[in-house]
Protein backbone atom coordinates (compact mmCIF):
# COMPACT_ATOMS: atom_id res chain seq x y z
CA MET A 1 126.61 49.68 -25.69
CA ALA A 2 130.25 50.48 -27.35
CA LYS A 3 132.81 47.30 -26.82
CA GLN A 4 135.00 48.14 -24.41
CA TRP A 5 138.54 48.48 -25.40
CA LYS A 6 141.93 46.08 -23.98
CA TRP A 7 145.12 48.24 -23.45
CA THR A 8 148.05 45.81 -21.98
CA ASN A 9 151.67 46.46 -21.63
CA ALA A 10 154.92 44.91 -21.06
CA ILE A 11 158.10 45.12 -20.80
CA SER A 12 161.60 42.88 -20.51
CA LYS A 13 165.14 43.49 -19.42
CA ARG A 14 166.15 40.71 -20.67
CA ALA A 15 169.71 41.05 -22.54
CA SER A 16 168.80 39.14 -25.49
CA LEU A 17 167.08 40.55 -28.50
CA GLU A 18 164.93 37.65 -29.16
CA ALA A 19 164.08 36.98 -25.47
CA ALA A 20 163.25 40.43 -25.00
CA VAL A 21 160.32 40.25 -27.79
CA LYS A 22 159.26 36.74 -26.69
CA GLU A 23 158.62 38.13 -23.54
CA VAL A 24 156.96 41.12 -23.94
CA VAL A 25 154.79 39.21 -26.87
CA GLU A 26 153.58 36.18 -24.67
CA GLN A 27 152.99 39.05 -21.54
CA ALA A 28 151.06 41.48 -23.67
CA HIS A 29 149.04 38.86 -25.60
CA CYS A 30 147.76 37.31 -22.33
CA GLY A 31 145.23 40.50 -22.09
CA LEU A 32 143.73 39.72 -25.54
CA ASP A 33 141.64 37.81 -26.54
CA GLU A 34 142.00 38.80 -30.93
CA PRO A 35 144.88 40.30 -32.84
CA ALA A 36 145.44 44.33 -31.71
CA ASP A 37 144.12 47.03 -33.71
CA LEU A 38 147.75 49.20 -32.48
CA ALA A 39 150.72 48.55 -31.32
CA MET A 40 153.87 50.65 -29.78
CA VAL A 41 156.87 49.70 -29.29
CA PHE A 42 160.11 51.51 -27.76
CA ILE A 43 163.58 49.97 -27.77
CA SER A 44 166.32 50.70 -25.87
CA SER A 45 169.47 52.10 -27.51
CA ALA A 46 171.45 49.18 -26.11
CA PHE A 47 169.96 47.41 -28.88
CA ALA A 48 170.96 49.96 -31.43
CA SER A 49 172.91 47.28 -33.82
CA GLU A 50 170.03 45.47 -33.42
CA TYR A 51 167.23 48.06 -34.19
CA SER A 52 167.00 45.96 -38.33
CA ARG A 53 165.71 42.66 -36.28
CA LEU A 54 163.17 44.19 -34.38
CA MET A 55 160.32 43.99 -36.98
CA PRO A 56 161.05 40.75 -38.74
CA LEU A 57 160.86 39.66 -34.83
CA LEU A 58 157.56 41.18 -34.62
CA ARG A 59 155.81 40.32 -37.54
CA GLU A 60 156.67 36.44 -36.86
CA GLN A 61 155.04 36.38 -33.31
CA LEU A 62 153.01 39.74 -32.84
CA LYS A 63 149.52 40.10 -34.14
CA ALA A 64 148.89 43.86 -34.75
CA ARG A 65 147.14 45.51 -37.92
CA ALA A 66 149.16 49.03 -36.92
CA ILE A 67 152.53 49.58 -35.27
CA ILE A 68 154.45 52.43 -34.31
CA GLY A 69 157.58 52.80 -32.46
CA CYS A 70 161.20 54.21 -31.73
CA SER A 71 164.88 54.36 -29.50
CA GLY A 72 165.14 55.73 -26.86
CA GLY A 73 168.48 56.32 -23.98
CA GLY A 74 165.66 55.07 -21.56
CA ILE A 75 162.73 52.87 -22.02
CA THR A 76 159.41 52.94 -19.50
CA GLY A 77 157.09 49.95 -19.27
CA THR A 78 154.88 47.70 -16.49
CA ASN A 79 156.25 44.44 -15.13
CA SER A 80 154.60 40.92 -14.94
CA GLY A 81 153.66 42.47 -11.19
CA GLU A 82 152.30 45.14 -12.66
CA ALA A 83 154.65 47.72 -11.44
CA THR A 84 155.82 50.38 -13.96
CA GLU A 85 159.93 50.71 -14.30
CA GLU A 86 161.74 53.58 -15.99
CA ILE A 87 164.95 51.66 -17.13
CA GLU A 88 167.33 53.87 -17.90
CA GLY A 89 170.80 53.00 -20.46
CA GLU A 90 170.62 49.26 -20.08
CA PRO A 91 168.98 46.81 -22.46
CA ALA A 92 164.65 47.08 -22.62
CA LEU A 93 161.75 46.65 -24.86
CA SER A 94 158.31 47.92 -24.18
CA LEU A 95 155.49 46.86 -25.75
CA THR A 96 151.70 48.08 -25.28
CA VAL A 97 149.20 46.80 -27.48
CA ALA A 98 145.09 47.68 -27.93
CA GLN A 99 142.12 46.60 -29.08
CA LEU A 100 140.27 50.13 -30.24
CA PRO A 101 136.79 49.09 -31.37
CA GLY A 102 135.16 52.31 -32.44
CA VAL A 103 138.93 54.13 -32.72
CA ASN A 104 139.85 54.50 -36.74
CA ILE A 105 143.91 54.17 -36.73
CA GLN A 106 145.92 55.67 -39.12
CA THR A 107 149.81 55.40 -39.30
CA PHE A 108 152.31 57.62 -41.27
CA HIS A 109 155.82 57.89 -42.04
CA ILE A 110 157.12 61.54 -42.88
CA ASN A 111 160.22 62.69 -44.44
CA GLY A 112 162.28 64.39 -43.02
CA GLN A 113 162.71 66.97 -45.56
CA GLY A 114 160.03 68.86 -48.15
CA LEU A 115 157.54 69.56 -45.84
CA PRO A 116 154.55 71.69 -47.19
CA ASP A 117 154.74 75.50 -47.81
CA LEU A 118 154.24 76.62 -43.82
CA ASP A 119 152.63 80.00 -45.73
CA GLY A 120 150.43 78.02 -48.23
CA PRO A 121 146.97 76.47 -47.40
CA PRO A 122 146.65 73.16 -44.92
CA GLY A 123 145.33 70.89 -47.93
CA PRO A 124 149.15 69.87 -48.94
CA TRP A 125 149.42 69.06 -45.27
CA VAL A 126 146.49 66.68 -45.28
CA GLU A 127 147.42 65.27 -48.33
CA MET A 128 150.81 64.26 -46.84
CA LEU A 129 149.38 62.50 -43.50
CA GLN A 130 146.13 61.23 -45.37
CA VAL A 131 143.69 62.15 -42.40
CA ASN A 132 140.79 64.10 -42.48
CA PRO A 133 140.67 66.97 -40.10
CA ALA A 134 136.71 66.77 -40.04
CA GLU A 135 137.94 63.37 -37.98
CA ASN A 136 139.10 65.62 -35.49
CA PRO A 137 142.22 63.24 -35.40
CA GLN A 138 144.76 62.97 -31.72
CA PHE A 139 148.03 62.77 -32.97
CA ILE A 140 150.78 59.99 -31.41
CA LEU A 141 154.23 61.93 -33.19
CA LEU A 142 158.07 60.02 -32.85
CA ALA A 143 160.53 61.66 -35.03
CA ASP A 144 164.34 61.63 -35.27
CA PRO A 145 165.72 64.56 -34.18
CA PHE A 146 168.65 64.98 -36.55
CA SER A 147 166.61 65.01 -39.95
CA THR A 148 162.90 66.30 -38.80
CA ALA A 149 162.26 70.04 -39.11
CA ILE A 150 160.11 69.13 -35.99
CA ASN A 151 159.36 73.00 -35.14
CA ASP A 152 158.06 73.37 -38.59
CA LEU A 153 156.47 70.10 -38.20
CA LEU A 154 154.15 71.18 -35.33
CA GLN A 155 153.57 74.34 -36.73
CA GLY A 156 152.24 72.83 -39.80
CA LEU A 157 150.24 70.26 -37.97
CA ASP A 158 148.77 72.91 -35.85
CA TYR A 159 147.51 74.93 -39.22
CA ALA A 160 146.42 72.05 -40.71
CA TYR A 161 144.47 70.09 -37.80
CA PRO A 162 143.44 73.06 -35.19
CA GLY A 163 142.31 71.86 -31.51
CA SER A 164 143.52 68.22 -32.40
CA PRO A 165 145.90 67.36 -29.48
CA LYS A 166 149.40 66.32 -30.20
CA VAL A 167 151.87 64.37 -27.96
CA GLY A 168 155.40 62.40 -28.56
CA GLY A 169 159.16 63.09 -28.66
CA LEU A 170 162.12 62.72 -30.09
CA ALA A 171 164.04 59.59 -30.48
CA SER A 172 166.89 58.99 -28.38
CA THR A 173 170.10 57.31 -27.74
CA LEU A 174 173.08 57.11 -25.43
CA GLY A 175 176.71 56.57 -26.28
CA GLY A 176 176.64 58.41 -30.48
CA SER A 177 174.68 55.26 -31.73
CA PRO A 178 171.99 56.14 -34.49
CA THR A 179 168.28 56.16 -33.72
CA GLY A 180 165.53 54.07 -35.10
CA LEU A 181 161.77 54.64 -36.06
CA PHE A 182 159.55 51.78 -36.74
CA CYS A 183 156.36 52.26 -38.49
CA ASN A 184 154.07 49.46 -39.84
CA TYR A 185 156.91 46.80 -39.24
CA GLN A 186 159.28 48.98 -41.17
CA LEU A 187 162.41 50.56 -39.92
CA TYR A 188 163.35 54.52 -40.27
CA ARG A 189 166.15 55.83 -40.28
CA GLU A 190 165.39 59.27 -40.08
CA GLY A 191 161.72 61.52 -40.47
CA SER A 192 159.12 61.20 -38.15
CA VAL A 193 156.21 58.32 -37.82
CA GLY A 194 152.82 58.29 -35.78
CA VAL A 195 149.77 57.41 -35.38
CA ALA A 196 146.19 59.64 -36.37
CA LEU A 197 143.22 58.17 -33.69
CA SER A 198 139.68 58.95 -33.87
CA GLY A 199 136.20 58.54 -33.28
CA ASN A 200 135.40 56.07 -29.69
CA ILE A 201 138.77 57.87 -27.92
CA ILE A 202 139.82 61.10 -25.87
CA LEU A 203 143.13 61.76 -25.70
CA GLU A 204 144.04 64.03 -22.59
CA THR A 205 147.67 65.62 -21.82
CA ILE A 206 149.81 66.86 -19.42
CA VAL A 207 152.58 68.50 -19.81
CA ALA A 208 155.13 68.75 -16.52
CA GLN A 209 157.53 71.53 -18.03
CA GLY A 210 158.93 71.15 -14.29
CA CYS A 211 159.92 74.67 -13.58
CA ARG A 212 158.21 77.31 -10.70
CA PRO A 213 157.45 80.76 -11.16
CA ILE A 214 159.59 83.85 -9.09
CA GLY A 215 159.15 87.32 -8.94
CA GLU A 216 156.40 88.72 -10.85
CA PRO A 217 155.49 88.59 -14.49
CA TYR A 218 156.83 91.65 -16.91
CA ARG A 219 155.54 92.76 -20.17
CA ILE A 220 158.58 93.18 -23.22
CA SER A 221 158.88 96.50 -24.21
CA GLU A 222 160.80 95.97 -27.06
CA GLY A 223 162.19 92.49 -28.95
CA GLU A 224 164.10 91.03 -32.13
CA ARG A 225 164.16 87.79 -32.94
CA ASN A 226 164.87 85.52 -29.79
CA ILE A 227 166.45 88.75 -27.69
CA VAL A 228 164.58 90.94 -24.82
CA ILE A 229 166.16 94.20 -25.01
CA GLY A 230 163.40 96.00 -22.82
CA LEU A 231 160.95 94.96 -19.93
CA GLU A 232 158.12 96.76 -18.50
CA GLU A 233 157.59 96.27 -14.83
CA PRO A 234 154.06 95.26 -13.03
CA ASN A 235 152.58 98.52 -11.17
CA LYS A 236 154.70 100.92 -13.36
CA PRO A 237 153.60 103.50 -15.44
CA ILE A 238 153.50 102.49 -19.39
CA GLY A 239 156.45 103.40 -20.94
CA THR A 240 158.61 103.35 -18.44
CA SER A 241 161.09 99.88 -19.69
CA ARG A 242 164.28 98.55 -18.24
CA PRO A 243 166.79 96.50 -19.46
CA PRO A 244 165.54 92.80 -18.60
CA LEU A 245 169.51 91.65 -17.38
CA GLU A 246 168.56 94.58 -15.02
CA VAL A 247 165.50 93.08 -13.59
CA LEU A 248 166.88 89.76 -13.27
CA ARG A 249 170.20 91.38 -11.05
CA GLU A 250 167.51 93.02 -8.74
CA LEU A 251 165.09 90.06 -8.62
CA ILE A 252 168.01 87.25 -7.18
CA GLN A 253 168.78 90.05 -5.00
CA THR A 254 165.05 89.20 -3.20
CA LEU A 255 165.41 85.50 -3.84
CA SER A 256 166.70 82.95 -0.52
CA GLU A 257 169.94 81.71 -0.89
CA LYS A 258 169.18 78.21 -2.15
CA ASP A 259 167.08 79.82 -4.95
CA ARG A 260 170.32 82.55 -5.87
CA GLN A 261 172.87 79.14 -5.80
CA LEU A 262 170.07 77.60 -8.01
CA ALA A 263 169.89 80.19 -10.20
CA GLN A 264 172.97 80.56 -11.15
CA HIS A 265 173.01 76.99 -13.39
CA SER A 266 169.02 76.36 -13.67
CA LEU A 267 167.26 79.65 -14.64
CA PHE A 268 165.01 79.92 -17.51
CA VAL A 269 162.01 82.08 -19.07
CA GLY A 270 158.95 81.12 -18.88
CA ILE A 271 156.82 83.13 -22.12
CA ALA A 272 153.13 83.17 -20.83
CA ARG A 273 150.66 81.61 -23.73
CA ASP A 274 147.41 83.28 -23.21
CA GLU A 275 147.64 86.89 -23.98
CA PHE A 276 144.65 87.85 -22.06
CA GLN A 277 144.41 86.29 -18.88
CA GLN A 278 144.44 88.09 -16.43
CA THR A 279 146.41 86.47 -13.17
CA LEU A 280 149.06 83.93 -14.62
CA ASN A 281 150.09 80.84 -12.04
CA GLN A 282 152.53 77.67 -12.74
CA GLY A 283 151.76 75.74 -15.46
CA ASP A 284 150.33 78.95 -17.27
CA PHE A 285 153.97 80.03 -19.43
CA LEU A 286 156.08 77.92 -21.63
CA ILE A 287 159.58 77.72 -20.56
CA ARG A 288 162.17 78.11 -22.31
CA GLN A 289 165.85 78.39 -22.00
CA LEU A 290 168.07 81.41 -20.95
CA LEU A 291 170.07 81.07 -23.85
CA GLY A 292 173.31 84.12 -22.48
CA VAL A 293 172.84 88.49 -21.42
CA ASP A 294 174.64 91.01 -23.11
CA PRO A 295 175.95 92.69 -19.94
CA LYS A 296 176.94 96.16 -22.06
CA ALA A 297 173.51 96.23 -23.78
CA GLY A 298 171.47 94.64 -20.35
CA ALA A 299 170.01 92.48 -23.07
CA ILE A 300 169.26 88.13 -22.58
CA ALA A 301 168.73 85.88 -25.21
CA ILE A 302 165.90 83.02 -24.84
CA GLY A 303 165.33 79.75 -26.39
CA ASP A 304 162.32 81.27 -28.81
CA ARG A 305 161.17 83.87 -30.62
CA VAL A 306 159.42 87.00 -29.21
CA ARG A 307 157.70 90.26 -29.63
CA THR A 308 156.95 93.22 -27.89
CA GLY A 309 153.95 92.87 -25.93
CA GLN A 310 154.18 89.28 -24.64
CA ARG A 311 154.26 88.65 -20.91
CA ILE A 312 157.28 86.69 -19.38
CA GLN A 313 158.54 85.34 -16.29
CA PHE A 314 161.38 84.03 -14.60
CA HIS A 315 161.36 80.41 -13.55
CA LEU A 316 163.62 77.79 -11.69
CA ARG A 317 164.10 74.46 -11.66
CA ASP A 318 165.41 71.11 -9.81
CA ALA A 319 163.84 68.30 -8.05
CA ASN A 320 161.65 69.51 -6.16
CA THR A 321 160.52 71.89 -7.95
CA SER A 322 159.70 69.27 -11.11
CA ALA A 323 158.06 66.97 -8.42
CA GLU A 324 155.77 69.65 -6.65
CA ASP A 325 155.32 70.46 -10.70
CA LEU A 326 153.85 66.84 -11.71
CA GLU A 327 151.77 66.34 -8.70
CA MET A 328 150.01 69.90 -8.77
CA LEU A 329 149.02 68.94 -12.56
CA LEU A 330 147.85 65.71 -11.40
CA GLN A 331 145.95 67.17 -8.76
CA ARG A 332 144.44 69.51 -11.55
CA TYR A 333 143.86 66.42 -13.75
CA GLN A 334 141.97 64.78 -11.28
CA ASN A 335 139.79 67.49 -9.95
CA GLU A 336 138.83 69.24 -13.44
CA THR A 337 138.38 66.15 -15.64
CA ASP A 338 135.16 64.35 -15.71
CA ILE A 339 135.96 60.96 -16.41
CA SER A 340 132.80 58.75 -16.82
CA THR A 341 134.64 56.01 -18.37
CA PRO A 342 138.30 55.89 -16.24
CA PRO A 343 141.68 55.64 -18.70
CA MET A 344 142.60 52.38 -20.39
CA GLY A 345 146.28 53.54 -20.86
CA ALA A 346 148.85 56.09 -21.57
CA LEU A 347 152.12 57.02 -22.40
CA MET A 348 154.97 58.61 -21.10
CA PHE A 349 157.31 61.02 -22.77
CA SER A 350 160.41 61.94 -20.62
CA CYS A 351 163.03 64.35 -20.90
CA LEU A 352 166.53 62.19 -20.59
CA GLY A 353 167.53 64.86 -17.93
CA ARG A 354 164.51 64.25 -16.11
CA GLY A 355 164.63 60.16 -14.43
CA GLN A 356 167.49 59.59 -11.34
CA GLY A 357 169.34 62.26 -12.46
CA LEU A 358 167.36 64.58 -11.29
CA TYR A 359 165.20 62.87 -8.58
CA GLU A 360 168.33 60.38 -7.35
CA GLN A 361 165.81 57.80 -7.36
CA ALA A 362 164.19 55.45 -10.59
CA ASN A 363 160.96 55.06 -11.03
CA PHE A 364 159.53 58.81 -9.63
CA ASP A 365 157.87 60.78 -12.66
CA SER A 366 155.52 57.62 -13.51
CA ALA A 367 154.78 56.20 -9.49
CA LEU A 368 153.64 59.73 -9.08
CA PHE A 369 151.81 59.32 -11.75
CA ARG A 370 150.22 56.47 -11.55
CA SER A 371 148.98 57.00 -7.97
CA TYR A 372 146.66 59.25 -9.28
CA LEU A 373 145.27 57.86 -12.26
CA GLY A 374 145.89 54.27 -10.64
CA ASN A 375 147.46 51.00 -12.06
CA ILE A 376 146.47 51.81 -15.96
CA PRO A 377 148.95 50.42 -18.38
CA LEU A 378 152.07 52.67 -19.06
CA SER A 379 154.51 52.93 -21.31
CA GLY A 380 157.01 55.04 -23.05
CA PHE A 381 160.75 56.56 -23.39
CA PHE A 382 163.16 58.87 -22.17
CA CYS A 383 163.67 61.78 -25.36
CA ASN A 384 165.77 64.21 -27.01
CA GLY A 385 162.64 66.16 -26.89
CA GLU A 386 159.48 66.32 -25.42
CA ILE A 387 156.22 66.94 -28.07
CA GLY A 388 152.84 68.66 -25.88
CA PRO A 389 150.51 71.35 -26.25
CA VAL A 390 150.54 74.46 -24.05
CA GLY A 391 147.64 76.75 -24.12
CA GLY A 392 146.46 74.83 -27.04
CA THR A 393 149.43 75.30 -29.25
CA THR A 394 151.80 72.24 -29.64
CA PHE A 395 155.44 72.66 -28.74
CA LEU A 396 158.59 70.94 -28.55
CA HIS A 397 160.05 71.16 -24.50
CA GLY A 398 162.68 70.24 -22.67
CA TYR A 399 163.34 68.62 -19.29
CA THR A 400 159.57 67.49 -19.66
CA SER A 401 157.40 64.64 -18.78
CA VAL A 402 154.70 64.65 -21.16
CA PHE A 403 151.64 62.15 -20.64
CA ALA A 404 148.93 60.96 -23.06
CA ILE A 405 145.88 59.33 -21.42
CA CYS A 406 144.20 57.92 -23.21
CA ARG A 407 140.01 56.68 -22.34
CA GLN A 408 136.49 55.68 -24.16
CA PRO A 409 134.17 58.98 -24.11
């Protein structure tokens, strides 16, 4: 029988960095009988002037063979009472330590510039990470939002490691302070850091984009770059195309008064990820922002490239929708996942635009997650963008909560 994992988390709200480090190390180490194989640390941007002190303090007190982490405008962790807290805009430090027997752990730092050519072979991407694709690695990625070509990075990693889940987020801050990335007791101010996990591990993902569809799916009949110029409506003769703005205006008139008001400021576009899926449901779309409209041409601009033949559907987002979307995905995970061994720990990468500002109550996403998954250790941070897969492809999201659920096979 394989040796069992141990995974613990601790969070501190102390305003002194020394006191916070001491508290989380002592609490986290209580659950371990040997040095940790992996540690993950998330530090509030309230400590921005002290990022350079974090790794030396942890090196003195923490026994971990590998460590990654970053800064966040909000921090999530599990307190001494085993309740999860989302601390927003205040000092907080969250530390996860794990003993992972049978798991291969490879940490890395990627410079912000000079990524391999996306048109070349996958070999240079593998050489950059020094991670063997044959081991089926599973990735946690943390990136600086200002110096990383994140979309190119995700596309390249999907190219070199197809089928490998990749989750994480962009380091964030409040008040314009700098971000910080940490890898193996070093502080980095640019690029991205991460860890590849392979062997005796399953990493499952939930990507809650917080939207609900309205109307019906339409097929793009004409598009250029990120501009949708024509749409074909369902149940209409093939080749019958209309300007998307005209279609949208008609759709809005069919909505309730509440949804019409919501559409004025929280209207999004979902792009179907599976071109062959006959019936599209909530969660089958990649959600992108509606950037603008051209009243004269009737075209719309969205936050992603489009091509003729793709299916899109308009979506709305609010607190109730975000809650319902997350609950629906948690129910689906619970019903569809064959869990022979229960999860040992999880990570939450949530948008700065969620949290109390969206729900008007604290700890909403984390509490809902644990109501379905149980009292497993949960940690993470509030991001400037969230990394997670939709339809087998990894994307950078917004207004999303991405969960990484880790367990033994």
